[in-house]
Amino acid sequence: MNPSLATPRDREEFFRAARAEASDQLLQELIQTMADKCFAKCITKPSSSLTGGESACLAKCMDRFLETRTLVVKALENQR
């Protein structure tokens, strides 16, 4: 798309799509990071199924990870 030929509506749509794509990519990276960290912390002996302790550890780890990320984002927003 040639920016000089684009209408304001075209530009708005382009930037909206770009923001959505960036948001999707950040979400995928967050999920991958969380999975990697929690797996390393909670799964000591990989097998074909999770033990009750591993399952509980993963749930708590993911909850803490998301809670911490939410607190950091809020703190950063308050600094603006």
N, C-alpha and C. Protein backbone atom coordinates (compact mmCIF):
# COMPACT_ATOMS: atom_id res chain seq x y z
N MET A 1 0.85 -1.17 0.00
CA MET A 1 0.00 0.00 0.00
C MET A 1 0.89 1.23 0.00
N ASN A 2 0.66 2.11 -0.93
CA ASN A 2 1.39 3.37 -1.01
C ASN A 2 0.74 4.35 -0.04
N PRO A 3 1.45 4.77 1.04
CA PRO A 3 0.85 5.64 2.06
C PRO A 3 0.28 6.94 1.50
N SER A 4 0.88 7.46 0.43
CA SER A 4 0.39 8.73 -0.10
C SER A 4 -0.93 8.56 -0.84
N LEU A 5 -1.25 7.33 -1.28
CA LEU A 5 -2.50 7.08 -1.99
C LEU A 5 -3.59 6.52 -1.09
N ALA A 6 -3.25 6.14 0.11
CA ALA A 6 -4.21 5.53 1.02
C ALA A 6 -5.14 6.58 1.61
N THR A 7 -6.37 6.18 1.76
CA THR A 7 -7.34 7.07 2.41
C THR A 7 -7.13 6.98 3.92
N PRO A 8 -7.63 7.94 4.66
CA PRO A 8 -7.53 7.84 6.12
C PRO A 8 -8.13 6.54 6.66
N ARG A 9 -9.21 6.10 6.04
CA ARG A 9 -9.84 4.85 6.48
C ARG A 9 -8.92 3.66 6.21
N ASP A 10 -8.25 3.66 5.04
CA ASP A 10 -7.30 2.58 4.72
C ASP A 10 -6.15 2.55 5.72
N ARG A 11 -5.63 3.72 6.04
CA ARG A 11 -4.52 3.78 7.00
C ARG A 11 -4.96 3.29 8.37
N GLU A 12 -6.16 3.72 8.78
CA GLU A 12 -6.69 3.29 10.08
C GLU A 12 -6.83 1.77 10.11
N GLU A 13 -7.36 1.19 9.06
CA GLU A 13 -7.54 -0.26 8.99
C GLU A 13 -6.18 -0.99 9.00
N PHE A 14 -5.21 -0.44 8.27
CA PHE A 14 -3.88 -1.03 8.24
C PHE A 14 -3.27 -1.06 9.64
N PHE A 15 -3.32 0.07 10.35
CA PHE A 15 -2.72 0.14 11.68
C PHE A 15 -3.48 -0.71 12.69
N ARG A 16 -4.79 -0.81 12.52
CA ARG A 16 -5.58 -1.67 13.42
C ARG A 16 -5.17 -3.13 13.23
N ALA A 17 -5.01 -3.54 11.98
CA ALA A 17 -4.58 -4.92 11.70
C ALA A 17 -3.16 -5.17 12.21
N ALA A 18 -2.29 -4.18 12.05
CA ALA A 18 -0.91 -4.34 12.53
C ALA A 18 -0.88 -4.46 14.06
N ARG A 19 -1.69 -3.66 14.75
CA ARG A 19 -1.75 -3.75 16.22
C ARG A 19 -2.29 -5.10 16.66
N ALA A 20 -3.31 -5.59 15.96
CA ALA A 20 -3.88 -6.90 16.30
C ALA A 20 -2.85 -8.01 16.10
N GLU A 21 -2.10 -7.94 15.02
CA GLU A 21 -1.08 -8.95 14.77
C GLU A 21 0.03 -8.90 15.82
N ALA A 22 0.44 -7.69 16.19
CA ALA A 22 1.47 -7.54 17.22
C ALA A 22 0.95 -8.08 18.56
N SER A 23 -0.30 -7.81 18.86
CA SER A 23 -0.90 -8.30 20.10
C SER A 23 -0.94 -9.83 20.11
N ASP A 24 -1.31 -10.43 19.00
CA ASP A 24 -1.33 -11.89 18.90
C ASP A 24 0.07 -12.48 19.10
N GLN A 25 1.06 -11.83 18.50
CA GLN A 25 2.43 -12.32 18.63
C GLN A 25 2.90 -12.21 20.08
N LEU A 26 2.58 -11.11 20.75
CA LEU A 26 2.97 -10.97 22.16
C LEU A 26 2.30 -12.02 23.03
N LEU A 27 1.03 -12.31 22.74
CA LEU A 27 0.32 -13.33 23.51
C LEU A 27 0.96 -14.70 23.30
N GLN A 28 1.33 -15.03 22.07
CA GLN A 28 1.99 -16.31 21.81
C GLN A 28 3.32 -16.40 22.54
N GLU A 29 4.08 -15.31 22.55
CA GLU A 29 5.36 -15.30 23.25
C GLU A 29 5.16 -15.45 24.76
N LEU A 30 4.14 -14.80 25.29
CA LEU A 30 3.82 -14.92 26.72
C LEU A 30 3.50 -16.37 27.07
N ILE A 31 2.66 -16.99 26.28
CA ILE A 31 2.26 -18.37 26.56
C ILE A 31 3.46 -19.31 26.46
N GLN A 32 4.31 -19.10 25.46
CA GLN A 32 5.49 -19.95 25.31
C GLN A 32 6.46 -19.78 26.47
N THR A 33 6.70 -18.54 26.88
CA THR A 33 7.59 -18.27 28.01
C THR A 33 7.04 -18.90 29.29
N MET A 34 5.74 -18.73 29.51
CA MET A 34 5.10 -19.29 30.70
C MET A 34 5.21 -20.81 30.67
N ALA A 35 4.94 -21.42 29.54
CA ALA A 35 5.01 -22.88 29.44
C ALA A 35 6.43 -23.37 29.70
N ASP A 36 7.42 -22.70 29.11
CA ASP A 36 8.82 -23.11 29.30
C ASP A 36 9.23 -23.01 30.76
N LYS A 37 8.95 -21.89 31.39
CA LYS A 37 9.36 -21.67 32.78
C LYS A 37 8.63 -22.62 33.73
N CYS A 38 7.34 -22.76 33.54
CA CYS A 38 6.58 -23.62 34.45
C CYS A 38 6.92 -25.10 34.24
N PHE A 39 7.16 -25.50 33.00
CA PHE A 39 7.56 -26.89 32.75
C PHE A 39 8.89 -27.18 33.44
N ALA A 40 9.85 -26.26 33.28
CA ALA A 40 11.17 -26.46 33.89
C ALA A 40 11.06 -26.54 35.41
N LYS A 41 10.17 -25.75 35.99
CA LYS A 41 10.02 -25.72 37.45
C LYS A 41 9.25 -26.94 37.98
N CYS A 42 8.23 -27.37 37.26
CA CYS A 42 7.29 -28.34 37.83
C CYS A 42 7.46 -29.78 37.35
N ILE A 43 8.04 -29.98 36.21
CA ILE A 43 8.13 -31.34 35.67
C ILE A 43 9.57 -31.84 35.84
N THR A 44 9.76 -32.64 36.86
CA THR A 44 11.10 -33.13 37.16
C THR A 44 11.43 -34.43 36.43
N LYS A 45 10.41 -35.24 36.20
CA LYS A 45 10.60 -36.51 35.49
C LYS A 45 9.50 -36.64 34.43
N PRO A 46 9.76 -36.15 33.22
CA PRO A 46 8.73 -36.23 32.18
C PRO A 46 8.26 -37.66 31.94
N SER A 47 6.96 -37.81 31.78
CA SER A 47 6.38 -39.12 31.48
C SER A 47 5.14 -38.88 30.60
N SER A 48 4.37 -39.92 30.41
CA SER A 48 3.21 -39.81 29.52
C SER A 48 2.02 -39.11 30.17
N SER A 49 2.08 -38.89 31.48
CA SER A 49 0.99 -38.18 32.15
C SER A 49 1.55 -37.38 33.33
N LEU A 50 0.77 -36.41 33.79
CA LEU A 50 1.18 -35.58 34.91
C LEU A 50 0.74 -36.20 36.23
N THR A 51 1.59 -36.06 37.23
CA THR A 51 1.17 -36.47 38.57
C THR A 51 0.28 -35.37 39.14
N GLY A 52 -0.38 -35.66 40.23
CA GLY A 52 -1.22 -34.64 40.87
C GLY A 52 -0.39 -33.45 41.32
N GLY A 53 0.80 -33.70 41.84
CA GLY A 53 1.67 -32.62 42.29
C GLY A 53 2.15 -31.76 41.13
N GLU A 54 2.48 -32.41 40.00
CA GLU A 54 2.92 -31.66 38.83
C GLU A 54 1.79 -30.79 38.29
N SER A 55 0.60 -31.35 38.25
CA SER A 55 -0.55 -30.61 37.76
C SER A 55 -0.84 -29.39 38.64
N ALA A 56 -0.79 -29.58 39.95
CA ALA A 56 -1.02 -28.48 40.89
C ALA A 56 0.08 -27.43 40.76
N CYS A 57 1.32 -27.87 40.62
CA CYS A 57 2.45 -26.96 40.47
C CYS A 57 2.29 -26.12 39.21
N LEU A 58 1.92 -26.77 38.09
CA LEU A 58 1.73 -26.04 36.83
C LEU A 58 0.62 -25.00 36.96
N ALA A 59 -0.48 -25.37 37.59
CA ALA A 59 -1.60 -24.43 37.74
C ALA A 59 -1.17 -23.23 38.58
N LYS A 60 -0.48 -23.48 39.69
CA LYS A 60 -0.02 -22.38 40.54
C LYS A 60 1.02 -21.52 39.84
N CYS A 61 1.93 -22.16 39.12
CA CYS A 61 2.97 -21.43 38.40
C CYS A 61 2.36 -20.51 37.35
N MET A 62 1.42 -21.02 36.58
CA MET A 62 0.78 -20.20 35.55
C MET A 62 0.00 -19.05 36.17
N ASP A 63 -0.70 -19.33 37.27
CA ASP A 63 -1.44 -18.26 37.97
C ASP A 63 -0.49 -17.16 38.44
N ARG A 64 0.62 -17.56 39.07
CA ARG A 64 1.60 -16.57 39.55
C ARG A 64 2.22 -15.79 38.41
N PHE A 65 2.53 -16.48 37.33
CA PHE A 65 3.14 -15.84 36.17
C PHE A 65 2.20 -14.76 35.61
N LEU A 66 0.93 -15.11 35.42
CA LEU A 66 -0.03 -14.15 34.87
C LEU A 66 -0.31 -13.02 35.85
N GLU A 67 -0.40 -13.33 37.13
CA GLU A 67 -0.64 -12.30 38.14
C GLU A 67 0.53 -11.31 38.17
N THR A 68 1.74 -11.83 38.14
CA THR A 68 2.93 -10.98 38.15
C THR A 68 2.98 -10.10 36.91
N ARG A 69 2.70 -10.68 35.77
CA ARG A 69 2.70 -9.91 34.53
C ARG A 69 1.66 -8.79 34.58
N THR A 70 0.49 -9.09 35.10
CA THR A 70 -0.57 -8.08 35.24
C THR A 70 -0.11 -6.94 36.14
N LEU A 71 0.53 -7.28 37.26
CA LEU A 71 1.02 -6.24 38.18
C LEU A 71 2.08 -5.37 37.53
N VAL A 72 2.97 -5.99 36.76
CA VAL A 72 4.03 -5.23 36.08
C VAL A 72 3.42 -4.28 35.04
N VAL A 73 2.47 -4.79 34.26
CA VAL A 73 1.82 -3.94 33.24
C VAL A 73 1.12 -2.77 33.89
N LYS A 74 0.40 -3.02 34.98
CA LYS A 74 -0.29 -1.92 35.69
C LYS A 74 0.70 -0.90 36.23
N ALA A 75 1.79 -1.38 36.79
CA ALA A 75 2.81 -0.46 37.32
C ALA A 75 3.41 0.40 36.21
N LEU A 76 3.68 -0.20 35.07
CA LEU A 76 4.22 0.54 33.94
C LEU A 76 3.21 1.56 33.40
N GLU A 77 1.94 1.17 33.37
CA GLU A 77 0.90 2.11 32.92
C GLU A 77 0.77 3.28 33.87
N ASN A 78 0.95 3.05 35.17
CA ASN A 78 0.84 4.13 36.16
C ASN A 78 2.01 5.10 36.07
N GLN A 79 3.13 4.65 35.51
CA GLN A 79 4.30 5.51 35.37
C GLN A 79 4.16 6.49 34.21
N ARG A 80 3.28 6.20 33.30
CA ARG A 80 3.10 7.04 32.10
C ARG A 80 2.45 8.34 32.43
